[in-house]
Protein backbone atom coordinates (compact mmCIF):
# COMPACT_ATOMS: atom_id res chain seq x y z
CA UNK A 1 -7.49 -66.71 -13.68
CA UNK A 2 -8.00 -63.67 -15.93
CA UNK A 3 -10.06 -62.00 -13.21
CA UNK A 4 -7.04 -62.34 -10.85
CA UNK A 5 -4.43 -61.06 -13.35
CA UNK A 6 -6.43 -58.03 -14.37
CA UNK A 7 -6.35 -56.29 -10.95
CA UNK A 8 -2.62 -57.07 -10.63
CA UNK A 9 -1.97 -55.64 -14.06
CA UNK A 10 -3.99 -52.53 -13.21
CA UNK A 11 -2.02 -52.09 -9.98
CA UNK A 12 1.28 -52.49 -11.85
CA UNK A 13 0.24 -49.95 -14.48
CA UNK A 14 -0.85 -47.52 -11.77
CA UNK A 15 2.56 -47.78 -10.10
CA UNK A 16 4.32 -47.32 -13.43
CA UNK A 17 2.21 -44.26 -14.17
CA UNK A 18 2.81 -42.82 -10.67
CA UNK A 19 6.59 -43.23 -10.80
CA UNK A 20 6.70 -41.90 -14.35
CA UNK A 21 4.80 -38.83 -13.17
CA UNK A 22 7.27 -38.37 -10.29
CA UNK A 23 10.19 -38.69 -12.70
CA UNK A 24 8.73 -36.06 -15.05
CA UNK A 25 8.04 -33.69 -12.15
CA UNK A 26 11.55 -34.22 -10.77
CA UNK A 27 13.13 -33.53 -14.15
CA UNK A 28 10.98 -30.40 -14.49
CA UNK A 29 12.03 -29.18 -11.05
CA UNK A 30 15.71 -29.86 -11.73
CA UNK A 31 15.48 -28.08 -15.10
CA UNK A 32 13.67 -25.11 -13.50
CA UNK A 33 16.26 -24.88 -10.75
CA UNK A 34 19.11 -24.92 -13.24
CA UNK A 35 17.45 -22.21 -15.32
CA UNK A 36 16.87 -20.18 -12.18
CA UNK A 37 20.50 -20.59 -11.05
CA UNK A 38 21.76 -19.32 -14.38
CA UNK A 39 19.56 -16.22 -14.19
CA UNK A 40 20.05 -15.29 -10.55
CA UNK A 41 22.89 -15.33 -8.09
CA UNK A 42 21.32 -17.54 -5.43
CA UNK A 43 24.31 -17.50 -3.07
CA UNK A 44 26.68 -14.73 -2.07
CA UNK A 45 28.96 -14.57 0.95
CA UNK A 46 29.24 -10.77 1.09
CA UNK A 47 28.29 -9.26 4.45
CA UNK A 48 24.96 -7.86 3.27
CA UNK A 49 23.77 -11.04 1.54
CA UNK A 50 24.94 -13.23 4.41
CA UNK A 51 23.00 -11.08 6.88
CA UNK A 52 19.93 -11.20 4.64
CA UNK A 53 19.99 -14.98 4.13
CA UNK A 54 20.68 -15.76 7.80
CA UNK A 55 18.33 -13.01 9.10
CA UNK A 56 21.15 -11.96 11.44
CA UNK A 57 20.11 -8.34 10.77
CA UNK A 58 17.07 -8.98 12.99
CA UNK A 59 19.32 -9.12 16.09
CA UNK A 60 19.77 -5.36 15.83
CA UNK A 61 16.76 -4.18 13.84
CA UNK A 62 13.05 -4.93 14.26
CA UNK A 63 12.20 -4.15 10.65
CA UNK A 64 13.90 -5.02 7.38
CA UNK A 65 13.27 -1.44 6.24
CA UNK A 66 15.28 -0.12 9.21
CA UNK A 67 18.20 -2.38 8.34
CA UNK A 68 18.09 -1.21 4.72
CA UNK A 69 17.99 2.39 5.98
CA UNK A 70 21.07 1.76 8.12
CA UNK A 71 22.96 0.29 5.14
CA UNK A 72 21.94 3.14 2.85
CA UNK A 73 22.95 5.75 5.43
CA UNK A 74 26.43 4.19 5.63
CA UNK A 75 26.84 3.84 1.86
CA UNK A 76 28.90 6.67 0.25
CA UNK A 77 26.56 6.60 -2.76
CA UNK A 78 23.38 5.90 -0.76
CA UNK A 79 23.03 2.78 -2.91
CA UNK A 80 23.47 -0.90 -2.03
CA UNK A 81 23.08 -4.21 -3.84
CA UNK A 82 21.40 -7.35 -2.48
CA UNK A 83 23.00 -9.85 -4.87
CA UNK A 84 20.84 -12.82 -3.85
CA UNK A 85 17.74 -10.78 -4.71
CA UNK A 86 19.31 -9.38 -7.88
CA UNK A 87 18.23 -6.02 -6.47
CA UNK A 88 19.90 -2.60 -6.42
CA UNK A 89 18.41 -0.40 -3.66
CA UNK A 90 18.95 3.35 -3.62
CA UNK A 91 18.05 6.37 -1.49
CA UNK A 92 19.96 8.78 -3.74
CA UNK A 93 17.62 11.52 -5.10
CA UNK A 94 19.69 11.86 -8.29
CA UNK A 95 19.23 8.16 -8.98
CA UNK A 96 15.50 8.39 -8.24
CA UNK A 97 15.05 11.23 -10.72
CA UNK A 98 17.08 9.31 -13.29
CA UNK A 99 14.90 6.19 -12.87
CA UNK A 100 11.51 7.90 -12.70
CA UNK A 101 12.08 10.73 -15.16
CA UNK A 102 15.31 10.88 -17.18
CA UNK A 103 15.32 7.19 -18.25
CA UNK A 104 11.70 6.40 -17.47
CA UNK A 105 11.33 4.21 -20.56
CA UNK A 106 14.20 1.98 -19.42
CA UNK A 107 12.69 1.27 -16.00
CA UNK A 108 9.15 -0.09 -16.36
CA UNK A 109 7.36 -2.18 -13.75
CA UNK A 110 8.59 -5.12 -15.76
CA UNK A 111 7.51 -8.68 -16.35
CA UNK A 112 8.87 -10.03 -13.01
CA UNK A 113 6.67 -7.57 -11.10
CA UNK A 114 3.59 -8.18 -13.24
CA UNK A 115 4.09 -11.94 -12.77
CA UNK A 116 4.14 -11.57 -8.98
CA UNK A 117 0.92 -9.54 -8.85
CA UNK A 118 -0.64 -10.76 -12.09
CA UNK A 119 -2.99 -13.32 -10.51
CA UNK A 120 -4.37 -10.65 -8.17
CA UNK A 121 -4.23 -7.38 -10.14
CA UNK A 122 -4.36 -8.75 -13.68
CA UNK A 123 -4.09 -5.90 -16.18
CA UNK A 124 -4.82 -3.13 -13.68
CA UNK A 125 -2.98 0.20 -13.91
CA UNK A 126 -0.46 -0.66 -11.18
CA UNK A 127 0.61 -3.88 -12.84
CA UNK A 128 1.09 -2.94 -16.49
CA UNK A 129 3.34 -0.85 -18.70
CA UNK A 130 3.13 0.61 -22.19
CA UNK A 131 -0.12 1.34 -23.99
CA UNK A 132 -2.34 -0.39 -21.44
CA UNK A 133 -0.91 1.76 -18.63
CA UNK A 134 -1.12 4.92 -20.74
CA UNK A 135 -4.80 4.35 -21.59
CA UNK A 136 -5.80 3.75 -17.98
CA UNK A 137 -3.74 6.73 -16.84
CA UNK A 138 -5.46 9.06 -19.33
CA UNK A 139 -8.94 7.94 -18.32
CA UNK A 140 -8.18 8.02 -14.59
CA UNK A 141 -6.44 11.41 -14.83
CA UNK A 142 -9.45 13.00 -16.49
CA UNK A 143 -11.91 11.49 -14.04
CA UNK A 144 -9.95 12.10 -10.83
CA UNK A 145 -9.25 15.70 -11.78
CA UNK A 146 -12.92 16.57 -12.27
CA UNK A 147 -14.73 18.69 -9.70
CA UNK A 148 -17.70 16.31 -9.72
CA UNK A 149 -15.70 13.28 -8.62
CA UNK A 150 -13.83 15.26 -5.97
CA UNK A 151 -17.15 16.43 -4.59
CA UNK A 152 -18.43 12.85 -4.74
CA UNK A 153 -15.35 11.58 -2.86
CA UNK A 154 -15.61 14.37 -0.28
CA UNK A 155 -19.26 13.52 0.42
CA UNK A 156 -18.48 9.81 0.77
CA UNK A 157 -15.74 10.44 3.32
CA UNK A 158 -17.80 13.04 5.17
CA UNK A 159 -20.71 10.62 5.50
CA UNK A 160 -18.46 7.77 6.67
CA UNK A 161 -16.89 10.03 9.29
CA UNK A 162 -20.15 11.41 10.62
CA UNK A 163 -22.28 8.26 10.48
CA UNK A 164 -19.71 5.62 11.48
CA UNK A 165 -16.24 6.76 12.56
CA UNK A 166 -17.24 9.46 15.07
CA UNK A 167 -20.08 7.39 16.63
CA UNK A 168 -17.70 4.42 17.02
CA UNK A 169 -15.06 6.56 18.73
CA UNK A 170 -17.72 8.21 20.91
CA UNK A 171 -18.97 4.80 21.98
CA UNK A 172 -15.45 3.72 22.87
CA UNK A 173 -14.84 6.96 24.81
CA UNK A 174 -18.04 6.46 26.79
CA UNK A 175 -16.80 3.06 27.94
CA UNK A 176 -13.73 4.44 29.72
CA UNK A 177 -10.18 3.09 29.62
CA UNK A 178 -10.80 -0.54 30.54
CA UNK A 179 -9.17 -3.21 28.37
CA UNK A 180 -12.42 -4.17 26.68
CA UNK A 181 -12.91 -0.55 25.60
CA UNK A 182 -9.58 -0.29 23.86
CA UNK A 183 -9.70 0.05 20.11
CA UNK A 184 -7.31 -1.23 17.51
CA UNK A 185 -7.04 2.03 15.61
CA UNK A 186 -5.38 0.33 12.64
CA UNK A 187 -8.31 -2.06 12.27
CA UNK A 188 -10.74 0.85 12.58
CA UNK A 189 -8.99 2.74 9.79
CA UNK A 190 -8.75 -0.38 7.61
CA UNK A 191 -12.51 -0.75 7.87
CA UNK A 192 -13.05 2.97 7.38
CA UNK A 193 -10.89 3.15 4.26
CA UNK A 194 -12.35 -0.06 2.81
CA UNK A 195 -15.89 1.32 3.08
CA UNK A 196 -14.78 4.56 1.42
CA UNK A 197 -12.79 3.06 -1.43
CA UNK A 198 -15.45 0.47 -2.23
CA UNK A 199 -18.16 3.15 -2.39
CA UNK A 200 -15.89 5.37 -4.46
CA UNK A 201 -14.65 2.63 -6.81
CA UNK A 202 -17.65 0.27 -7.03
CA UNK A 203 -20.61 2.21 -5.70
CA UNK A 204 -20.79 -0.66 -3.17
CA UNK A 205 -20.98 -0.20 0.61
CA UNK A 206 -19.48 -3.18 2.50
CA UNK A 207 -20.51 -1.62 5.87
CA UNK A 208 -17.25 -2.72 7.53
CA UNK A 209 -17.30 0.15 10.05
CA UNK A 210 -20.79 -0.49 11.39
CA UNK A 211 -20.83 -0.42 15.20
CA UNK A 212 -20.89 -4.23 15.38
CA UNK A 213 -17.67 -4.36 13.27
CA UNK A 214 -19.03 -7.16 11.05
CA UNK A 215 -16.84 -9.68 9.24
CA UNK A 216 -16.66 -8.99 5.50
CA UNK A 217 -15.89 -11.91 3.20
CA UNK A 218 -14.77 -9.49 0.49
CA UNK A 219 -12.47 -7.53 2.84
CA UNK A 220 -10.96 -10.67 4.39
CA UNK A 221 -10.33 -12.27 1.00
CA UNK A 222 -8.81 -9.01 -0.22
CA UNK A 223 -6.47 -9.01 2.81
CA UNK A 224 -5.34 -12.58 2.19
CA UNK A 225 -4.74 -11.94 -1.52
CA UNK A 226 -2.73 -8.79 -0.77
CA UNK A 227 -0.63 -10.41 1.96
CA UNK A 228 0.22 -13.58 0.04
CA UNK A 229 0.99 -11.65 -3.15
CA UNK A 230 3.44 -9.52 -1.15
CA UNK A 231 5.11 -12.65 0.23
CA UNK A 232 5.84 -13.68 -3.36
CA UNK A 233 7.75 -10.43 -3.85
CA UNK A 234 9.85 -11.03 -0.72
CA UNK A 235 10.87 -14.57 -1.67
CA UNK A 236 14.61 -15.08 -2.18
CA UNK A 237 13.76 -18.02 -4.50
CA UNK A 238 10.72 -17.17 -6.67
CA UNK A 239 10.89 -20.74 -7.97
CA UNK A 240 9.40 -21.95 -4.68
CA UNK A 241 6.12 -20.05 -4.97
CA UNK A 242 5.91 -20.82 -8.69
CA UNK A 243 6.11 -24.56 -7.97
CA UNK A 244 3.54 -24.24 -5.19
CA UNK A 245 1.26 -22.45 -7.67
CA UNK A 246 1.85 -25.16 -10.27
CA UNK A 247 0.79 -27.90 -7.86
CA UNK A 248 -1.83 -25.73 -6.13
CA UNK A 249 -0.51 -26.31 -2.61
CA UNK A 250 0.20 -24.31 0.55
CA UNK A 251 -0.02 -20.53 0.42
CA UNK A 252 -0.59 -20.55 -3.34
CA UNK A 253 -3.72 -22.65 -2.88
CA UNK A 254 -4.91 -20.18 -0.24
CA UNK A 255 -4.11 -17.25 -2.55
CA UNK A 256 -6.03 -18.81 -5.43
CA UNK A 257 -9.08 -19.29 -3.22
CA UNK A 258 -8.97 -15.68 -1.95
CA UNK A 259 -8.59 -14.23 -5.47
CA UNK A 260 -11.53 -16.34 -6.68
CA UNK A 261 -13.78 -14.85 -3.97
CA UNK A 262 -12.66 -11.30 -4.81
CA UNK A 263 -13.23 -11.94 -8.53
CA UNK A 264 -16.70 -13.40 -8.05
CA UNK A 265 -17.88 -10.47 -5.91
CA UNK A 266 -16.32 -7.91 -8.24
CA UNK A 267 -17.88 -9.47 -11.33
CA UNK A 268 -21.28 -9.59 -9.62
CA UNK A 269 -21.14 -5.81 -9.18
CA UNK A 270 -20.06 -5.27 -12.79
CA UNK A 271 -22.80 -7.50 -14.19
CA UNK A 272 -25.39 -5.85 -11.96
CA UNK A 273 -24.36 -2.43 -13.27
CA UNK A 274 -24.58 -3.69 -16.84
CA UNK A 275 -28.14 -4.87 -16.20
CA UNK A 276 -29.40 -1.86 -14.22
CA UNK A 277 -27.52 0.83 -16.12
CA UNK A 278 -24.54 2.89 -15.04
CA UNK A 279 -24.55 6.09 -17.09
CA UNK A 280 -25.88 8.22 -14.23
CA UNK A 281 -23.70 6.68 -11.51
CA UNK A 282 -20.69 8.61 -10.20
CA UNK A 283 -18.44 5.81 -8.92
CA UNK A 284 -15.14 5.09 -10.67
CA UNK A 285 -16.28 1.75 -12.13
CA UNK A 286 -19.27 3.36 -13.85
CA UNK A 287 -17.03 6.03 -15.34
CA UNK A 288 -14.61 3.43 -16.72
CA UNK A 289 -17.50 1.34 -18.09
CA UNK A 290 -18.27 4.14 -20.51
CA UNK A 291 -15.02 3.53 -22.40
CA UNK A 292 -13.97 -0.05 -21.53
CA UNK A 293 -16.23 -2.96 -22.50
CA UNK A 294 -14.11 -5.89 -21.32
CA UNK A 295 -15.53 -6.88 -17.91
CA UNK A 296 -12.39 -8.76 -16.86
CA UNK A 297 -10.29 -5.68 -17.61
CA UNK A 298 -12.74 -3.53 -15.64
CA UNK A 299 -12.38 -5.89 -12.70
CA UNK A 300 -8.58 -5.57 -12.84
CA UNK A 301 -8.75 -1.78 -12.94
CA UNK A 302 -11.11 -1.41 -10.00
CA UNK A 303 -9.31 -3.99 -7.83
CA UNK A 304 -6.09 -2.03 -8.43
CA UNK A 305 -7.71 1.19 -7.25
CA UNK A 306 -9.11 -0.53 -4.16
CA UNK A 307 -5.66 -1.89 -3.34
CA UNK A 308 -4.15 1.58 -3.80
CA UNK A 309 -6.80 3.41 -1.80
CA UNK A 310 -7.54 1.00 1.03
CA UNK A 311 -4.37 -0.12 2.79
CA UNK A 312 -2.35 2.98 1.92
CA UNK A 313 -4.94 5.24 3.56
CA UNK A 314 -5.30 2.94 6.58
CA UNK A 315 -1.51 2.83 6.99
CA UNK A 316 -1.14 6.60 6.69
CA UNK A 317 -3.93 7.38 9.17
CA UNK A 318 -2.65 4.81 11.68
CA UNK A 319 0.90 6.14 11.76
CA UNK A 320 -0.41 9.73 11.76
CA UNK A 321 -2.37 9.26 14.97
CA UNK A 322 0.44 7.14 16.40
CA UNK A 323 2.72 10.17 15.95
CA UNK A 324 0.14 12.69 17.20
CA UNK A 325 -0.33 10.66 20.38
CA UNK A 326 3.39 11.10 21.10
CA UNK A 327 3.43 14.79 20.12
CA UNK A 328 0.59 16.64 21.91
CA UNK A 329 2.15 19.99 20.97
CA UNK A 330 1.38 19.22 17.30
CA UNK A 331 -2.24 18.40 18.19
CA UNK A 332 -2.61 21.78 19.93
CA UNK A 333 -1.29 23.62 16.86
CA UNK A 334 -3.68 21.74 14.54
CA UNK A 335 -6.61 22.66 16.81
CA UNK A 336 -5.53 26.28 16.93
CA UNK A 337 -5.26 26.46 13.13
CA UNK A 338 -8.69 24.91 12.67
CA UNK A 339 -10.18 27.40 15.16
CA UNK A 340 -8.68 30.33 13.25
CA UNK A 341 -9.99 28.99 9.94
CA UNK A 342 -13.53 28.65 11.29
CA UNK A 343 -13.49 32.08 12.89
CA UNK A 344 -12.20 33.71 9.68
CA UNK A 345 -15.10 32.23 7.71
CA UNK A 346 -17.59 32.56 10.55
CA UNK A 347 -18.48 28.90 10.15
CA UNK A 348 -18.64 25.81 12.33
CA UNK A 349 -17.53 23.45 9.59
CA UNK A 350 -14.51 22.98 7.35
CA UNK A 351 -15.15 22.97 3.62
CA UNK A 352 -13.02 21.26 0.98
CA UNK A 353 -11.17 24.47 0.13
CA UNK A 354 -10.72 25.50 3.77
CA UNK A 355 -9.14 22.15 4.56
CA UNK A 356 -6.70 22.59 1.69
CA UNK A 357 -5.72 26.04 3.01
CA UNK A 358 -4.64 24.78 6.47
CA UNK A 359 -0.86 24.94 6.12
CA UNK A 360 0.15 23.45 9.46
CA UNK A 361 -2.28 20.56 9.10
CA UNK A 362 -0.93 19.92 5.61
CA UNK A 363 2.64 20.04 6.90
CA UNK A 364 1.87 17.56 9.69
CA UNK A 365 0.47 15.08 7.15
CA UNK A 366 3.52 15.43 4.89
CA UNK A 367 5.84 15.01 7.87
CA UNK A 368 4.06 11.81 8.89
CA UNK A 369 4.37 10.41 5.38
CA UNK A 370 8.08 11.30 5.34
CA UNK A 371 8.72 9.12 8.38
CA UNK A 372 6.18 6.40 7.60
CA UNK A 373 5.34 6.17 3.89
CA UNK A 374 2.55 3.61 3.35
CA UNK A 375 4.53 2.11 0.45
CA UNK A 376 8.07 1.87 1.78
CA UNK A 377 9.77 1.07 -1.53
CA UNK A 378 9.03 0.66 -5.21
CA UNK A 379 10.86 -1.45 -7.78
CA UNK A 380 11.47 -1.28 -11.52
CA UNK A 381 13.29 -3.66 -13.88
CA UNK A 382 15.92 -2.43 -16.34
CA UNK A 383 15.11 -3.00 -20.00
CA UNK A 384 18.73 -2.52 -21.06
CA UNK A 385 22.15 -2.15 -19.47
CA UNK A 386 22.55 1.24 -17.83
CA UNK A 387 24.59 3.28 -15.33
CA UNK A 388 22.93 5.27 -12.53
CA UNK A 389 24.02 8.81 -11.65
CA UNK A 390 26.19 7.58 -8.76
CA UNK A 391 28.11 5.22 -11.09
CA UNK A 392 26.25 2.02 -10.19
CA UNK A 393 26.09 -0.35 -13.15
CA UNK A 394 22.65 -1.83 -13.87
CA UNK A 395 22.52 -4.92 -16.06
CA UNK A 396 19.57 -5.75 -18.26
CA UNK A 397 16.75 -7.37 -16.29
CA UNK A 398 18.09 -6.23 -12.92
CA UNK A 399 15.67 -5.04 -10.28
CA UNK A 400 16.18 -1.42 -9.18
CA UNK A 401 14.42 -0.19 -6.04
CA UNK A 402 14.12 3.31 -4.61
CA UNK A 403 13.46 3.22 -0.87
CA UNK A 404 11.10 6.00 0.26
CA UNK A 405 11.26 4.93 3.91
CA UNK A 406 15.04 5.24 3.94
CA UNK A 407 14.97 8.51 2.01
CA UNK A 408 12.90 10.07 4.78
CA UNK A 409 15.79 9.32 7.13
CA UNK A 410 18.70 10.73 5.16
CA UNK A 411 20.61 13.50 6.92
CA UNK A 412 21.81 15.07 3.68
CA UNK A 413 18.17 15.55 2.61
CA UNK A 414 16.45 16.47 5.90
CA UNK A 415 19.20 17.66 8.21
CA UNK A 416 20.54 16.33 11.49
CA UNK A 417 17.05 16.31 13.04
CA UNK A 418 15.70 13.89 10.40
CA UNK A 419 14.53 11.45 13.09
CA UNK A 420 12.18 14.05 14.64
CA UNK A 421 8.49 14.49 13.82
CA UNK A 422 8.64 18.18 12.99
CA UNK A 423 5.92 19.67 10.73
CA UNK A 424 7.69 23.05 10.88
CA UNK A 425 10.35 21.78 8.46
CA UNK A 426 7.72 22.11 5.72
CA UNK A 427 6.77 25.72 6.57
CA UNK A 428 8.29 29.05 5.61
CA UNK A 429 6.70 32.06 7.28
CA UNK A 430 3.71 29.89 8.05
CA UNK A 431 3.18 28.79 4.44
CA UNK A 432 3.67 25.23 3.26
CA UNK A 433 6.67 24.72 0.97
CA UNK A 434 6.94 21.48 -0.98
CA UNK A 435 10.15 19.56 -1.67
CA UNK A 436 11.37 17.87 -4.81
CA UNK A 437 9.34 14.68 -5.40
CA UNK A 438 12.64 12.94 -6.14
CA UNK A 439 13.73 13.63 -2.56
CA UNK A 440 10.26 12.77 -1.27
CA UNK A 441 8.87 10.06 -3.59
CA UNK A 442 6.03 9.08 -1.24
CA UNK A 443 3.54 9.60 -4.09
CA UNK A 444 6.05 8.39 -6.66
CA UNK A 445 7.20 11.02 -9.19
CA UNK A 446 7.48 11.66 -12.89
CA UNK A 447 5.03 10.01 -15.27
CA UNK A 448 3.78 7.50 -12.67
CA UNK A 449 3.03 10.02 -9.94
CA UNK A 450 0.02 9.00 -7.83
CA UNK A 451 -3.20 10.06 -9.57
CA UNK A 452 -5.19 10.03 -6.32
CA UNK A 453 -2.71 12.16 -4.38
CA UNK A 454 -4.97 15.17 -3.80
CA UNK A 455 -7.99 13.04 -2.88
CA UNK A 456 -5.87 11.04 -0.42
CA UNK A 457 -4.45 14.16 1.25
CA UNK A 458 -7.89 15.72 1.66
CA UNK A 459 -9.28 12.49 3.13
CA UNK A 460 -6.45 12.29 5.65
CA UNK A 461 -7.00 15.90 6.72
CA UNK A 462 -10.77 15.44 7.00
CA UNK A 463 -10.23 12.53 9.39
CA UNK A 464 -7.54 14.42 11.29
CA UNK A 465 -9.75 17.46 11.90
CA UNK A 466 -12.78 15.38 12.85
CA UNK A 467 -10.92 13.20 15.35
CA UNK A 468 -8.55 15.81 16.80
CA UNK A 469 -11.36 18.32 17.40
CA UNK A 470 -13.56 15.83 19.23
CA UNK A 471 -11.25 13.32 20.91
CA UNK A 472 -7.97 12.75 22.70
CA UNK A 473 -6.31 9.53 21.52
CA UNK A 474 -3.82 7.77 23.78
CA UNK A 475 -1.69 4.94 22.40
CA UNK A 476 -1.41 1.92 24.73
CA UNK A 477 0.43 -0.50 22.40
CA UNK A 478 2.98 -0.48 20.86
CA UNK A 479 4.98 1.50 23.39
CA UNK A 480 8.06 1.89 21.22
CA UNK A 481 8.74 2.22 17.51
CA UNK A 482 6.33 0.18 15.37
CA UNK A 483 7.11 -3.23 13.90
CA UNK A 484 5.79 -3.74 10.39
CA UNK A 485 4.24 -6.83 8.86
CA UNK A 486 5.35 -8.07 5.46
CA UNK A 487 2.92 -6.70 2.90
CA UNK A 488 2.42 -4.45 -0.10
CA UNK A 489 1.79 -1.60 2.35
CA UNK A 490 3.27 -0.83 5.76
CA UNK A 491 0.85 -2.23 8.35
CA UNK A 492 1.87 -2.31 12.03
CA UNK A 493 2.22 -5.80 13.46
CA UNK A 494 -0.42 -6.40 16.12
CA UNK A 495 -2.21 -3.14 15.31
CA UNK A 496 -2.27 0.02 17.43
CA UNK A 497 -4.23 -0.28 20.68
CA UNK A 498 -5.63 3.05 21.85
CA UNK A 499 -7.87 4.56 24.50
CA UNK A 500 -10.18 7.30 23.23
CA UNK A 501 -11.44 10.14 25.42
CA UNK A 502 -14.09 12.71 24.52
CA UNK A 503 -13.06 16.37 24.50
CA UNK A 504 -15.30 19.01 26.00
CA UNK A 505 -15.10 21.31 22.99
CA UNK A 506 -16.15 19.69 19.72
CA UNK A 507 -18.07 22.10 17.57
CA UNK A 508 -16.41 21.46 14.22
CA UNK A 509 -18.15 19.53 11.46
CA UNK A 510 -17.51 18.88 7.80
CA UNK A 511 -19.48 20.10 4.87
């Protein structure tokens, strides 16, 4: 009899335990929802919020950034509020300067942002504030400003161009214009930039741009982690992804798996450097290892730099050649300038300094980044109540976003021809003239200005000269304006399909 009761009792206890667990979870969810409702306005029937929640904006605009641009263009103050996101969005240069410079201390990245990216970036420079940010900035500023690391970066990019990028494009050109010889230029540049940034940051070559275009576990996991982290930032109800993370389900389970793979591979490199020695190595990780002993912190720092240098460069190069393909007159002017530079120095190659002196090339890169900044917007969170320059009230804890993509399309900043790709707008008597970084915050501005700006610009121009001098690139898809995927950087949905043709004259090289 006892043997029969025992299983029944166990079954009853199991059911009691299960339903008790469900009750506790339900109470937790209800409590979390109530807390969330008190902190954030989750419903608003204003026109902007209604359009956002119903996605009715997508009937007229392909991209969310284009809809935001439209709203900001119509706004008298060039500022709007998305109440359901608790987000103030501005394209007003005075506000941008106020946020990034005048009241910098009141607008840090903030805990909400660090929570979103914390699992992926940890305590890396792009996800922290205060002393931790200041320390990493000081170390990175000293290292990235040195001649030795600029030479090291230049040599890495030069080698990747000559040994992988140019041979790949030549191979595609030799195959003609058939469908199977089309290239996804965005994928090519993602692989190109990942090889470069990994060699620069880790001293590790993932060989993503080898002719066979191999699958990289590290690169794929990095992509997944970046994409899913960005989806967290776009969520109207952050509670949803937080609950999914708590129960390790859905996209949060996938994100956790991807981050684990990235962490394991990153730590393997760090431990290997500890064992073999790093004092004579030139990569960024080795330089940081001289002053930071915490391996987990080192991992966070390097992953942040890879994120900053990989997708941003791929995005910038993709949209650059997308624009050049539609503006052959700009290509001709770049070729003419490079010919003059080589003739003046009686050389067949472009050096680091010669590349920096090419004003029209420089202007064409800046003009591309005006229209298609790799990071379309950046957000801060107010520490205390404040009022922006245009009179917009900012309550404590509110998200404040400056929208670089929209700012590149403001008539009061760029004139009535703002929609045109026109490098000449940056030139005065043939010499490049910069604009206020608060009107053009592509590289951020103020204390958080991009530390790798000069390296990134030189890399873009090296690729531009190498490709433009040797090849003609024709875009097959997309035929119209690009659609962007949701992500931390602006990647074109479906990639950019191109046909590459060899040019007869191609006597420029890099040194």
